[in-house]
Amino acid sequence: DSDVTGEKKEVAIGQGKQISEEIRRLLSGPLAKNNQAPTTKITRLELPFDTLRTRAEWEERVSKGGAGGYHAQVNLARIDRGEKLPESIRYLIQTWTFGDQLALVFLPGEVVVDYSVRLKREFDRKRLAVIAYANDAPCYIPSERILAEGGYEGGDAMIYYDRPQRLAPGVERRIVDAVHTLIAKAFVCEGVSSGTEGTRPKLPEESRQCIRTKPGLSVELVAAEP
Protein backbone atom coordinates (compact mmCIF):
# COMPACT_ATOMS: atom_id res chain seq x y z
CA ASP A 1 0.00 0.00 0.00
CA SER A 2 1.53 3.32 -1.05
CA ASP A 3 -0.34 5.22 1.70
CA VAL A 4 -0.83 8.17 -0.67
CA THR A 5 -4.17 9.39 0.66
CA GLY A 6 -5.56 12.74 1.67
CA GLU A 7 -2.98 15.52 1.72
CA LYS A 8 0.12 13.31 2.13
CA LYS A 9 1.90 14.97 -0.77
CA GLU A 10 5.30 14.31 0.73
CA VAL A 11 4.76 10.56 0.31
CA ALA A 12 3.96 10.94 -3.39
CA ILE A 13 6.92 13.32 -3.84
CA GLY A 14 9.23 10.81 -2.16
CA GLN A 15 8.04 8.00 -4.41
CA GLY A 16 8.49 10.19 -7.47
CA LYS A 17 12.08 10.87 -6.44
CA GLN A 18 12.75 7.15 -5.99
CA ILE A 19 11.45 6.46 -9.51
CA SER A 20 13.50 9.29 -11.04
CA GLU A 21 16.65 8.13 -9.25
CA GLU A 22 16.18 4.60 -10.59
CA ILE A 23 15.66 5.94 -14.12
CA ARG A 24 18.88 7.97 -13.85
CA ARG A 25 20.74 4.89 -12.58
CA LEU A 26 19.56 2.78 -15.51
CA LEU A 27 20.31 5.47 -18.08
CA SER A 28 23.83 5.91 -16.71
CA GLY A 29 24.71 2.29 -17.51
CA PRO A 30 25.12 0.46 -20.82
CA LEU A 31 22.01 0.47 -22.99
CA ALA A 32 21.11 -2.04 -25.70
CA LYS A 33 20.85 -0.42 -29.10
CA ASN A 34 17.60 -0.97 -30.97
CA ASN A 35 17.94 -0.69 -34.72
CA GLN A 36 14.58 -2.20 -35.70
CA ALA A 37 11.47 -0.26 -36.67
CA PRO A 38 8.39 -1.34 -34.70
CA THR A 39 5.73 -3.61 -36.14
CA THR A 40 2.37 -2.88 -34.56
CA LYS A 41 -0.59 -5.25 -34.36
CA ILE A 42 -4.06 -5.06 -32.82
CA THR A 43 -6.77 -7.60 -32.14
CA ARG A 44 -10.16 -7.11 -30.53
CA LEU A 45 -11.88 -9.61 -28.27
CA GLU A 46 -15.29 -9.94 -26.67
CA LEU A 47 -14.81 -11.00 -23.05
CA PRO A 48 -18.12 -12.43 -21.82
CA PHE A 49 -19.55 -11.85 -18.38
CA ASP A 50 -20.57 -14.77 -16.21
CA THR A 51 -24.26 -15.75 -16.21
CA LEU A 52 -26.25 -12.57 -15.68
CA ARG A 53 -28.26 -12.28 -12.46
CA THR A 54 -31.98 -12.90 -12.32
CA ARG A 55 -34.37 -10.24 -11.10
CA ALA A 56 -34.69 -12.08 -7.78
CA GLU A 57 -30.91 -12.02 -7.34
CA TRP A 58 -30.80 -8.28 -8.06
CA GLU A 59 -33.58 -7.67 -5.54
CA GLU A 60 -31.74 -9.70 -2.92
CA ARG A 61 -28.66 -7.54 -3.46
CA VAL A 62 -30.76 -4.40 -3.07
CA SER A 63 -31.93 -5.63 0.34
CA LYS A 64 -28.33 -5.90 1.54
CA GLY A 65 -27.70 -2.21 0.94
CA GLY A 66 -24.31 -0.59 0.51
CA ALA A 67 -22.53 -0.10 -2.78
CA GLY A 68 -23.72 -3.49 -4.02
CA GLY A 69 -27.30 -2.60 -3.22
CA TYR A 70 -27.10 0.71 -5.05
CA HIS A 71 -25.50 -1.01 -8.04
CA ALA A 72 -28.39 -3.51 -8.06
CA GLN A 73 -30.95 -0.67 -7.96
CA VAL A 74 -29.31 0.96 -10.97
CA ASN A 75 -29.44 -2.27 -12.97
CA LEU A 76 -33.04 -3.03 -11.96
CA ALA A 77 -34.01 0.43 -13.21
CA ARG A 78 -32.37 -0.38 -16.55
CA ILE A 79 -34.27 -3.65 -16.79
CA ASP A 80 -37.52 -1.86 -15.97
CA ARG A 81 -36.85 0.60 -18.78
CA GLY A 82 -36.55 -2.31 -21.17
CA GLU A 83 -32.78 -2.00 -21.55
CA LYS A 84 -30.68 -5.09 -22.13
CA LEU A 85 -27.74 -5.51 -19.79
CA PRO A 86 -24.42 -6.03 -21.59
CA GLU A 87 -23.20 -9.60 -21.90
CA SER A 88 -19.53 -8.82 -22.60
CA ILE A 89 -16.91 -6.11 -22.84
CA ARG A 90 -14.81 -5.23 -25.85
CA TYR A 91 -11.12 -5.77 -25.20
CA LEU A 92 -8.40 -4.42 -27.50
CA ILE A 93 -4.95 -6.00 -27.31
CA GLN A 94 -2.03 -4.24 -28.98
CA THR A 95 1.60 -5.24 -29.50
CA TRP A 96 4.72 -3.47 -30.73
CA THR A 97 7.63 -5.69 -31.77
CA PHE A 98 11.05 -4.42 -32.74
CA GLY A 99 12.35 -7.24 -34.92
CA ASP A 100 13.38 -10.00 -32.53
CA GLN A 101 14.89 -7.54 -30.03
CA LEU A 102 11.90 -6.37 -27.99
CA ALA A 103 8.16 -7.00 -27.70
CA LEU A 104 5.69 -4.74 -25.91
CA VAL A 105 2.23 -6.04 -24.97
CA PHE A 106 -0.47 -3.48 -24.19
CA LEU A 107 -3.45 -4.77 -22.16
CA PRO A 108 -6.42 -2.58 -21.19
CA GLY A 109 -7.76 -2.38 -17.66
CA GLU A 110 -6.45 -3.15 -14.20
CA VAL A 111 -4.70 -6.38 -15.17
CA VAL A 112 -3.68 -8.61 -12.27
CA VAL A 113 -0.02 -9.57 -11.98
CA ASP A 114 -0.65 -13.17 -13.06
CA TYR A 115 -0.74 -12.02 -16.68
CA SER A 116 2.74 -10.52 -16.49
CA VAL A 117 4.03 -13.63 -14.71
CA ARG A 118 2.50 -16.00 -17.25
CA LEU A 119 3.46 -14.04 -20.36
CA LYS A 120 7.04 -13.70 -19.12
CA ARG A 121 7.07 -17.47 -18.67
CA GLU A 122 5.71 -18.23 -22.13
CA PHE A 123 7.82 -15.55 -23.89
CA ASP A 124 11.44 -14.52 -23.35
CA ARG A 125 11.15 -12.30 -20.29
CA LYS A 126 14.35 -10.42 -21.19
CA ARG A 127 12.75 -9.22 -24.42
CA LEU A 128 9.16 -8.69 -23.25
CA ALA A 129 7.40 -5.85 -21.43
CA VAL A 130 3.74 -5.99 -20.38
CA ILE A 131 1.93 -2.66 -20.05
CA ALA A 132 -1.50 -2.47 -18.42
CA TYR A 133 -4.04 0.41 -18.33
CA ALA A 134 -3.42 0.63 -22.09
CA ASN A 135 -5.97 2.16 -24.50
CA ASP A 136 -8.93 1.58 -22.14
CA ALA A 137 -9.88 0.91 -18.51
CA PRO A 138 -12.97 -1.33 -18.65
CA CYS A 139 -12.52 -3.02 -15.25
CA TYR A 140 -10.20 -5.33 -13.33
CA ILE A 141 -8.98 -8.14 -15.57
CA PRO A 142 -8.65 -11.23 -13.34
CA SER A 143 -6.76 -14.43 -14.08
CA GLU A 144 -8.33 -17.86 -13.63
CA ARG A 145 -6.64 -18.10 -10.23
CA ILE A 146 -8.19 -14.83 -9.10
CA LEU A 147 -11.62 -15.80 -10.45
CA ALA A 148 -11.45 -19.05 -8.47
CA GLU A 149 -10.42 -17.23 -5.30
CA GLY A 150 -13.13 -14.58 -5.66
CA GLY A 151 -12.82 -11.43 -3.59
CA TYR A 152 -12.44 -7.89 -4.84
CA GLU A 153 -10.49 -8.31 -8.08
CA GLY A 154 -12.40 -11.51 -8.85
CA GLY A 155 -15.84 -9.96 -8.73
CA ASP A 156 -16.72 -7.25 -6.21
CA ALA A 157 -14.75 -4.56 -8.04
CA MET A 158 -17.17 -4.83 -10.98
CA ILE A 159 -19.70 -2.88 -8.88
CA TYR A 160 -17.52 0.23 -9.10
CA TYR A 161 -17.08 -0.17 -12.86
CA ASP A 162 -20.86 -0.53 -13.24
CA ARG A 163 -20.61 -3.97 -14.82
CA PRO A 164 -23.55 -6.37 -14.37
CA GLN A 165 -21.48 -9.42 -13.46
CA ARG A 166 -17.92 -10.65 -13.09
CA LEU A 167 -16.07 -11.91 -16.16
CA ALA A 168 -16.71 -15.52 -17.10
CA PRO A 169 -14.09 -18.24 -16.58
CA GLY A 170 -11.83 -18.61 -19.61
CA VAL A 171 -10.87 -14.94 -19.77
CA GLU A 172 -7.18 -15.69 -19.19
CA ARG A 173 -6.99 -18.23 -22.01
CA ARG A 174 -8.70 -15.84 -24.44
CA ILE A 175 -6.28 -13.02 -23.69
CA VAL A 176 -3.08 -15.10 -23.66
CA ASP A 177 -4.06 -16.95 -26.84
CA ALA A 178 -4.66 -13.59 -28.52
CA VAL A 179 -1.21 -12.34 -27.47
CA HIS A 180 0.32 -15.47 -29.02
CA THR A 181 -1.28 -14.62 -32.36
CA LEU A 182 0.31 -11.15 -32.31
CA ILE A 183 3.90 -11.88 -31.22
CA ALA A 184 6.41 -13.65 -33.43
CA LYS A 185 7.49 -17.22 -32.63
CA ALA A 186 11.02 -15.95 -32.08
CA PHE A 187 9.94 -14.70 -28.65
CA VAL A 188 8.21 -17.90 -27.56
CA CYS A 189 9.68 -20.14 -24.85
CA GLU A 190 8.90 -23.75 -25.74
CA GLY A 191 7.79 -26.44 -23.31
CA VAL A 192 6.51 -24.22 -20.50
CA SER A 193 3.42 -24.89 -18.42
CA SER A 194 0.47 -22.61 -19.05
CA GLY A 195 -2.42 -21.27 -17.07
CA THR A 196 -2.75 -20.00 -13.52
CA GLU A 197 -5.57 -22.30 -12.46
CA GLY A 198 -3.21 -24.55 -10.53
CA THR A 199 -1.08 -21.78 -9.04
CA ARG A 200 -1.26 -22.01 -5.26
CA PRO A 201 -1.05 -18.62 -3.59
CA LYS A 202 1.68 -18.41 -0.96
CA LEU A 203 0.78 -18.22 2.70
CA PRO A 204 1.57 -14.84 4.30
CA GLU A 205 4.67 -16.19 6.04
CA GLU A 206 5.88 -17.83 2.82
CA SER A 207 5.45 -14.53 1.00
CA ARG A 208 7.36 -12.68 3.70
CA GLN A 209 10.28 -15.08 3.43
CA CYS A 210 10.52 -14.40 -0.32
CA ILE A 211 11.16 -10.70 0.21
CA ARG A 212 14.78 -9.54 0.16
CA THR A 213 15.73 -6.16 1.53
CA LYS A 214 18.77 -4.15 2.56
CA PRO A 215 20.79 -5.06 5.68
CA GLY A 216 19.28 -3.54 8.82
CA LEU A 217 15.73 -3.55 7.45
CA SER A 218 13.04 -6.11 8.19
CA VAL A 219 9.64 -7.03 6.75
CA GLU A 220 6.61 -7.59 8.99
CA LEU A 221 3.12 -8.76 8.10
CA VAL A 222 0.55 -6.02 8.69
CA ALA A 223 -2.56 -7.41 6.98
CA ALA A 224 -3.51 -10.42 4.91
CA GLU A 225 -6.56 -11.79 3.11
CA PRO A 226 -8.92 -13.36 3.96
C-alpha atoms as a PDB file:
ATOM      1  CA  ASP A   1       0.000   0.000   0.000  1.00  0.00           C
ATOM      2  CA  SER A   2       1.529   3.321  -1.053  1.00  0.00           C
ATOM      3  CA  ASP A   3      -0.342   5.223   1.702  1.00  0.00           C
ATOM      4  CA  VAL A   4      -0.830   8.170  -0.669  1.00  0.00           C
ATOM      5  CA  THR A   5      -4.166   9.391   0.662  1.00  0.00           C
ATOM      6  CA  GLY A   6      -5.561  12.742   1.674  1.00  0.00           C
ATOM      7  CA  GLU A   7      -2.979  15.518   1.723  1.00  0.00           C
ATOM      8  CA  LYS A   8       0.123  13.315   2.125  1.00  0.00           C
ATOM      9  CA  LYS A   9       1.897  14.971  -0.770  1.00  0.00           C
ATOM     10  CA  GLU A  10       5.299  14.311   0.734  1.00  0.00           C
ATOM     11  CA  VAL A  11       4.761  10.562   0.315  1.00  0.00           C
ATOM     12  CA  ALA A  12       3.964  10.941  -3.393  1.00  0.00           C
ATOM     13  CA  ILE A  13       6.919  13.323  -3.839  1.00  0.00           C
ATOM     14  CA  GLY A  14       9.232  10.807  -2.159  1.00  0.00           C
ATOM     15  CA  GLN A  15       8.039   7.998  -4.407  1.00  0.00           C
ATOM     16  CA  GLY A  16       8.491  10.194  -7.470  1.00  0.00           C
ATOM     17  CA  LYS A  17      12.078  10.870  -6.438  1.00  0.00           C
ATOM     18  CA  GLN A  18      12.746   7.150  -5.993  1.00  0.00           C
ATOM     19  CA  ILE A  19      11.452   6.462  -9.510  1.00  0.00           C
ATOM     20  CA  SER A  20      13.496   9.292 -11.044  1.00  0.00           C
ATOM     21  CA  GLU A  21      16.645   8.132  -9.251  1.00  0.00           C
ATOM     22  CA  GLU A  22      16.182   4.599 -10.586  1.00  0.00           C
ATOM     23  CA  ILE A  23      15.663   5.942 -14.123  1.00  0.00           C
ATOM     24  CA  ARG A  24      18.876   7.974 -13.847  1.00  0.00           C
ATOM     25  CA  ARG A  25      20.738   4.889 -12.579  1.00  0.00           C
ATOM     26  CA  LEU A  26      19.559   2.780 -15.511  1.00  0.00           C
ATOM     27  CA  LEU A  27      20.312   5.467 -18.078  1.00  0.00           C
ATOM     28  CA  SER A  28      23.827   5.908 -16.712  1.00  0.00           C
ATOM     29  CA  GLY A  29      24.711   2.291 -17.510  1.00  0.00           C
ATOM     30  CA  PRO A  30      25.124   0.463 -20.822  1.00  0.00           C
ATOM     31  CA  LEU A  31      22.008   0.466 -22.994  1.00  0.00           C
ATOM     32  CA  ALA A  32      21.110  -2.039 -25.698  1.00  0.00           C
ATOM     33  CA  LYS A  33      20.849  -0.425 -29.100  1.00  0.00           C
ATOM     34  CA  ASN A  34      17.605  -0.965 -30.968  1.00  0.00           C
ATOM     35  CA  ASN A  35      17.939  -0.692 -34.718  1.00  0.00           C
ATOM     36  CA  GLN A  36      14.583  -2.198 -35.699  1.00  0.00           C
ATOM     37  CA  ALA A  37      11.469  -0.260 -36.667  1.00  0.00           C
ATOM     38  CA  PRO A  38       8.386  -1.337 -34.698  1.00  0.00           C
ATOM     39  CA  THR A  39       5.734  -3.611 -36.137  1.00  0.00           C
ATOM     40  CA  THR A  40       2.366  -2.881 -34.558  1.00  0.00           C
ATOM     41  CA  LYS A  41      -0.588  -5.248 -34.363  1.00  0.00           C
ATOM     42  CA  ILE A  42      -4.056  -5.065 -32.818  1.00  0.00           C
ATOM     43  CA  THR A  43      -6.767  -7.597 -32.136  1.00  0.00           C
ATOM     44  CA  ARG A  44     -10.165  -7.109 -30.533  1.00  0.00           C
ATOM     45  CA  LEU A  45     -11.882  -9.614 -28.271  1.00  0.00           C
ATOM     46  CA  GLU A  46     -15.285  -9.941 -26.675  1.00  0.00           C
ATOM     47  CA  LEU A  47     -14.806 -10.995 -23.049  1.00  0.00           C
ATOM     48  CA  PRO A  48     -18.118 -12.431 -21.820  1.00  0.00           C
ATOM     49  CA  PHE A  49     -19.554 -11.851 -18.381  1.00  0.00           C
ATOM     50  CA  ASP A  50     -20.567 -14.773 -16.208  1.00  0.00           C
ATOM     51  CA  THR A  51     -24.259 -15.747 -16.211  1.00  0.00           C
ATOM     52  CA  LEU A  52     -26.252 -12.565 -15.677  1.00  0.00           C
ATOM     53  CA  ARG A  53     -28.259 -12.285 -12.456  1.00  0.00           C
ATOM     54  CA  THR A  54     -31.976 -12.899 -12.318  1.00  0.00           C
ATOM     55  CA  ARG A  55     -34.367 -10.235 -11.096  1.00  0.00           C
ATOM     56  CA  ALA A  56     -34.693 -12.081  -7.779  1.00  0.00           C
ATOM     57  CA  GLU A  57     -30.912 -12.016  -7.344  1.00  0.00           C
ATOM     58  CA  TRP A  58     -30.801  -8.281  -8.064  1.00  0.00           C
ATOM     59  CA  GLU A  59     -33.581  -7.666  -5.540  1.00  0.00           C
ATOM     60  CA  GLU A  60     -31.736  -9.696  -2.919  1.00  0.00           C
ATOM     61  CA  ARG A  61     -28.657  -7.541  -3.461  1.00  0.00           C
ATOM     62  CA  VAL A  62     -30.763  -4.399  -3.071  1.00  0.00           C
ATOM     63  CA  SER A  63     -31.930  -5.633   0.338  1.00  0.00           C
ATOM     64  CA  LYS A  64     -28.334  -5.903   1.543  1.00  0.00           C
ATOM     65  CA  GLY A  65     -27.703  -2.206   0.937  1.00  0.00           C
ATOM     66  CA  GLY A  66     -24.306  -0.594   0.514  1.00  0.00           C
ATOM     67  CA  ALA A  67     -22.528  -0.103  -2.781  1.00  0.00           C
ATOM     68  CA  GLY A  68     -23.723  -3.486  -4.025  1.00  0.00           C
ATOM     69  CA  GLY A  69     -27.305  -2.595  -3.220  1.00  0.00           C
ATOM     70  CA  TYR A  70     -27.102   0.707  -5.052  1.00  0.00           C
ATOM     71  CA  HIS A  71     -25.501  -1.008  -8.040  1.00  0.00           C
ATOM     72  CA  ALA A  72     -28.395  -3.507  -8.060  1.00  0.00           C
ATOM     73  CA  GLN A  73     -30.949  -0.669  -7.963  1.00  0.00           C
ATOM     74  CA  VAL A  74     -29.313   0.962 -10.972  1.00  0.00           C
ATOM     75  CA  ASN A  75     -29.441  -2.267 -12.965  1.00  0.00           C
ATOM     76  CA  LEU A  76     -33.038  -3.033 -11.964  1.00  0.00           C
ATOM     77  CA  ALA A  77     -34.007   0.430 -13.210  1.00  0.00           C
ATOM     78  CA  ARG A  78     -32.369  -0.380 -16.549  1.00  0.00           C
ATOM     79  CA  ILE A  79     -34.270  -3.646 -16.793  1.00  0.00           C
ATOM     80  CA  ASP A  80     -37.521  -1.862 -15.971  1.00  0.00           C
ATOM     81  CA  ARG A  81     -36.853   0.603 -18.783  1.00  0.00           C
ATOM     82  CA  GLY A  82     -36.546  -2.313 -21.174  1.00  0.00           C
ATOM     83  CA  GLU A  83     -32.782  -1.995 -21.551  1.00  0.00           C
ATOM     84  CA  LYS A  84     -30.684  -5.094 -22.127  1.00  0.00           C
ATOM     85  CA  LEU A  85     -27.743  -5.507 -19.786  1.00  0.00           C
ATOM     86  CA  PRO A  86     -24.421  -6.031 -21.593  1.00  0.00           C
ATOM     87  CA  GLU A  87     -23.198  -9.604 -21.895  1.00  0.00           C
ATOM     88  CA  SER A  88     -19.532  -8.824 -22.597  1.00  0.00           C
ATOM     89  CA  ILE A  89     -16.914  -6.112 -22.839  1.00  0.00           C
ATOM     90  CA  ARG A  90     -14.810  -5.230 -25.853  1.00  0.00           C
ATOM     91  CA  TYR A  91     -11.118  -5.766 -25.204  1.00  0.00           C
ATOM     92  CA  LEU A  92      -8.405  -4.424 -27.496  1.00  0.00           C
ATOM     93  CA  ILE A  93      -4.946  -6.000 -27.308  1.00  0.00           C
ATOM     94  CA  GLN A  94      -2.034  -4.238 -28.983  1.00  0.00           C
ATOM     95  CA  THR A  95       1.601  -5.240 -29.498  1.00  0.00           C
ATOM     96  CA  TRP A  96       4.721  -3.475 -30.729  1.00  0.00           C
ATOM     97  CA  THR A  97       7.627  -5.690 -31.768  1.00  0.00           C
ATOM     98  CA  PHE A  98      11.053  -4.421 -32.740  1.00  0.00           C
ATOM     99  CA  GLY A  99      12.349  -7.236 -34.916  1.00  0.00           C
ATOM    100  CA  ASP A 100      13.382 -10.003 -32.532  1.00  0.00           C
ATOM    101  CA  GLN A 101      14.893  -7.538 -30.029  1.00  0.00           C
ATOM    102  CA  LEU A 102      11.900  -6.373 -27.991  1.00  0.00           C
ATOM    103  CA  ALA A 103       8.161  -7.001 -27.702  1.00  0.00           C
ATOM    104  CA  LEU A 104       5.691  -4.742 -25.913  1.00  0.00           C
ATOM    105  CA  VAL A 105       2.234  -6.038 -24.968  1.00  0.00           C
ATOM    106  CA  PHE A 106      -0.474  -3.480 -24.189  1.00  0.00           C
ATOM    107  CA  LEU A 107      -3.445  -4.767 -22.158  1.00  0.00           C
ATOM    108  CA  PRO A 108      -6.423  -2.580 -21.187  1.00  0.00           C
ATOM    109  CA  GLY A 109      -7.762  -2.376 -17.659  1.00  0.00           C
ATOM    110  CA  GLU A 110      -6.449  -3.151 -14.201  1.00  0.00           C
ATOM    111  CA  VAL A 111      -4.700  -6.378 -15.170  1.00  0.00           C
ATOM    112  CA  VAL A 112      -3.682  -8.610 -12.267  1.00  0.00           C
ATOM    113  CA  VAL A 113      -0.023  -9.565 -11.982  1.00  0.00           C
ATOM    114  CA  ASP A 114      -0.649 -13.174 -13.060  1.00  0.00           C
ATOM    115  CA  TYR A 115      -0.740 -12.015 -16.681  1.00  0.00           C
ATOM    116  CA  SER A 116       2.743 -10.525 -16.490  1.00  0.00           C
ATOM    117  CA  VAL A 117       4.032 -13.629 -14.711  1.00  0.00           C
ATOM    118  CA  ARG A 118       2.503 -15.999 -17.249  1.00  0.00           C
ATOM    119  CA  LEU A 119       3.460 -14.036 -20.364  1.00  0.00           C
ATOM    120  CA  LYS A 120       7.038 -13.701 -19.124  1.00  0.00           C
ATOM    121  CA  ARG A 121       7.071 -17.465 -18.667  1.00  0.00           C
ATOM    122  CA  GLU A 122       5.710 -18.227 -22.132  1.00  0.00           C
ATOM    123  CA  PHE A 123       7.819 -15.552 -23.887  1.00  0.00           C
ATOM    124  CA  ASP A 124      11.439 -14.520 -23.353  1.00  0.00           C
ATOM    125  CA  ARG A 125      11.146 -12.299 -20.290  1.00  0.00           C
ATOM    126  CA  LYS A 126      14.349 -10.423 -21.190  1.00  0.00           C
ATOM    127  CA  ARG A 127      12.752  -9.223 -24.423  1.00  0.00           C
ATOM    128  CA  LEU A 128       9.159  -8.691 -23.250  1.00  0.00           C
ATOM    129  CA  ALA A 129       7.402  -5.849 -21.432  1.00  0.00           C
ATOM    130  CA  VAL A 130       3.743  -5.986 -20.385  1.00  0.00           C
ATOM    131  CA  ILE A 131       1.934  -2.661 -20.048  1.00  0.00           C
ATOM    132  CA  ALA A 132      -1.499  -2.467 -18.420  1.00  0.00           C
ATOM    133  CA  TYR A 133      -4.040   0.412 -18.329  1.00  0.00           C
ATOM    134  CA  ALA A 134      -3.421   0.633 -22.088  1.00  0.00           C
ATOM    135  CA  ASN A 135      -5.971   2.162 -24.496  1.00  0.00           C
ATOM    136  CA  ASP A 136      -8.929   1.579 -22.137  1.00  0.00           C
ATOM    137  CA  ALA A 137      -9.880   0.908 -18.509  1.00  0.00           C
ATOM    138  CA  PRO A 138     -12.967  -1.327 -18.652  1.00  0.00           C
ATOM    139  CA  CYS A 139     -12.524  -3.021 -15.248  1.00  0.00           C
ATOM    140  CA  TYR A 140     -10.204  -5.331 -13.332  1.00  0.00           C
ATOM    141  CA  ILE A 141      -8.984  -8.141 -15.569  1.00  0.00           C
ATOM    142  CA  PRO A 142      -8.654 -11.231 -13.339  1.00  0.00           C
ATOM    143  CA  SER A 143      -6.762 -14.430 -14.080  1.00  0.00           C
ATOM    144  CA  GLU A 144      -8.326 -17.864 -13.634  1.00  0.00           C
ATOM    145  CA  ARG A 145      -6.636 -18.097 -10.230  1.00  0.00           C
ATOM    146  CA  ILE A 146      -8.190 -14.833  -9.096  1.00  0.00           C
ATOM    147  CA  LEU A 147     -11.621 -15.804 -10.449  1.00  0.00           C
ATOM    148  CA  ALA A 148     -11.447 -19.053  -8.467  1.00  0.00           C
ATOM    149  CA  GLU A 149     -10.417 -17.234  -5.297  1.00  0.00           C
ATOM    150  CA  GLY A 150     -13.128 -14.581  -5.659  1.00  0.00           C
ATOM    151  CA  GLY A 151     -12.819 -11.434  -3.590  1.00  0.00           C
ATOM    152  CA  TYR A 152     -12.437  -7.893  -4.837  1.00  0.00           C
ATOM    153  CA  GLU A 153     -10.486  -8.315  -8.081  1.00  0.00           C
ATOM    154  CA  GLY A 154     -12.396 -11.512  -8.849  1.00  0.00           C
ATOM    155  CA  GLY A 155     -15.839  -9.957  -8.728  1.00  0.00           C
ATOM    156  CA  ASP A 156     -16.721  -7.254  -6.214  1.00  0.00           C
ATOM    157  CA  ALA A 157     -14.747  -4.557  -8.045  1.00  0.00           C
ATOM    158  CA  MET A 158     -17.174  -4.827 -10.975  1.00  0.00           C
ATOM    159  CA  ILE A 159     -19.697  -2.880  -8.885  1.00  0.00           C
ATOM    160  CA  TYR A 160     -17.523   0.228  -9.102  1.00  0.00           C
ATOM    161  CA  TYR A 161     -17.080  -0.169 -12.856  1.00  0.00           C
ATOM    162  CA  ASP A 162     -20.865  -0.533 -13.238  1.00  0.00           C
ATOM    163  CA  ARG A 163     -20.608  -3.971 -14.821  1.00  0.00           C
ATOM    164  CA  PRO A 164     -23.555  -6.365 -14.374  1.00  0.00           C
ATOM    165  CA  GLN A 165     -21.483  -9.421 -13.456  1.00  0.00           C
ATOM    166  CA  ARG A 166     -17.921 -10.646 -13.088  1.00  0.00           C
ATOM    167  CA  LEU A 167     -16.075 -11.907 -16.163  1.00  0.00           C
ATOM    168  CA  ALA A 168     -16.711 -15.525 -17.103  1.00  0.00           C
ATOM    169  CA  PRO A 169     -14.086 -18.237 -16.583  1.00  0.00           C
ATOM    170  CA  GLY A 170     -11.829 -18.613 -19.613  1.00  0.00           C
ATOM    171  CA  VAL A 171     -10.866 -14.940 -19.767  1.00  0.00           C
ATOM    172  CA  GLU A 172      -7.177 -15.694 -19.190  1.00  0.00           C
ATOM    173  CA  ARG A 173      -6.994 -18.226 -22.013  1.00  0.00           C
ATOM    174  CA  ARG A 174      -8.705 -15.839 -24.441  1.00  0.00           C
ATOM    175  CA  ILE A 175      -6.277 -13.022 -23.690  1.00  0.00           C
ATOM    176  CA  VAL A 176      -3.081 -15.095 -23.658  1.00  0.00           C
ATOM    177  CA  ASP A 177      -4.062 -16.955 -26.838  1.00  0.00           C
ATOM    178  CA  ALA A 178      -4.658 -13.591 -28.525  1.00  0.00           C
ATOM    179  CA  VAL A 179      -1.214 -12.344 -27.470  1.00  0.00           C
ATOM    180  CA  HIS A 180       0.324 -15.466 -29.016  1.00  0.00           C
ATOM    181  CA  THR A 181      -1.285 -14.620 -32.362  1.00  0.00           C
ATOM    182  CA  LEU A 182       0.315 -11.155 -32.307  1.00  0.00           C
ATOM    183  CA  ILE A 183       3.899 -11.879 -31.216  1.00  0.00           C
ATOM    184  CA  ALA A 184       6.412 -13.645 -33.431  1.00  0.00           C
ATOM    185  CA  LYS A 185       7.486 -17.217 -32.633  1.00  0.00           C
ATOM    186  CA  ALA A 186      11.022 -15.954 -32.083  1.00  0.00           C
ATOM    187  CA  PHE A 187       9.945 -14.703 -28.650  1.00  0.00           C
ATOM    188  CA  VAL A 188       8.208 -17.900 -27.557  1.00  0.00           C
ATOM    189  CA  CYS A 189       9.678 -20.144 -24.852  1.00  0.00           C
ATOM    190  CA  GLU A 190       8.898 -23.746 -25.737  1.00  0.00           C
ATOM    191  CA  GLY A 191       7.788 -26.438 -23.310  1.00  0.00           C
ATOM    192  CA  VAL A 192       6.510 -24.223 -20.496  1.00  0.00           C
ATOM    193  CA  SER A 193       3.416 -24.889 -18.418  1.00  0.00           C
ATOM    194  CA  SER A 194       0.474 -22.606 -19.053  1.00  0.00           C
ATOM    195  CA  GLY A 195      -2.423 -21.268 -17.073  1.00  0.00           C
ATOM    196  CA  THR A 196      -2.748 -20.001 -13.524  1.00  0.00           C
ATOM    197  CA  GLU A 197      -5.569 -22.303 -12.455  1.00  0.00           C
ATOM    198  CA  GLY A 198      -3.205 -24.551 -10.527  1.00  0.00           C
ATOM    199  CA  THR A 199      -1.076 -21.783  -9.043  1.00  0.00           C
ATOM    200  CA  ARG A 200      -1.262 -22.015  -5.259  1.00  0.00           C
ATOM    201  CA  PRO A 201      -1.053 -18.616  -3.585  1.00  0.00           C
ATOM    202  CA  LYS A 202       1.676 -18.408  -0.960  1.00  0.00           C
ATOM    203  CA  LEU A 203       0.780 -18.225   2.698  1.00  0.00           C
ATOM    204  CA  PRO A 204       1.571 -14.842   4.302  1.00  0.00           C
ATOM    205  CA  GLU A 205       4.665 -16.187   6.038  1.00  0.00           C
ATOM    206  CA  GLU A 206       5.884 -17.827   2.819  1.00  0.00           C
ATOM    207  CA  SER A 207       5.453 -14.530   0.995  1.00  0.00           C
ATOM    208  CA  ARG A 208       7.357 -12.684   3.699  1.00  0.00           C
ATOM    209  CA  GLN A 209      10.277 -15.080   3.426  1.00  0.00           C
ATOM    210  CA  CYS A 210      10.519 -14.399  -0.321  1.00  0.00           C
ATOM    211  CA  ILE A 211      11.161 -10.701   0.213  1.00  0.00           C
ATOM    212  CA  ARG A 212      14.780  -9.545   0.164  1.00  0.00           C
ATOM    213  CA  THR A 213      15.733  -6.159   1.531  1.00  0.00           C
ATOM    214  CA  LYS A 214      18.774  -4.146   2.561  1.00  0.00           C
ATOM    215  CA  PRO A 215      20.788  -5.059   5.682  1.00  0.00           C
ATOM    216  CA  GLY A 216      19.279  -3.543   8.817  1.00  0.00           C
ATOM    217  CA  LEU A 217      15.726  -3.546   7.446  1.00  0.00           C
ATOM    218  CA  SER A 218      13.042  -6.108   8.185  1.00  0.00           C
ATOM    219  CA  VAL A 219       9.644  -7.026   6.750  1.00  0.00           C
ATOM    220  CA  GLU A 220       6.606  -7.589   8.989  1.00  0.00           C
ATOM    221  CA  LEU A 221       3.117  -8.762   8.096  1.00  0.00           C
ATOM    222  CA  VAL A 222       0.555  -6.018   8.689  1.00  0.00           C
ATOM    223  CA  ALA A 223      -2.559  -7.410   6.983  1.00  0.00           C
ATOM    224  CA  ALA A 224      -3.514 -10.424   4.908  1.00  0.00           C
ATOM    225  CA  GLU A 225      -6.564 -11.788   3.105  1.00  0.00           C
ATOM    226  CA  PRO A 226      -8.916 -13.357   3.955  1.00  0.00           C
END
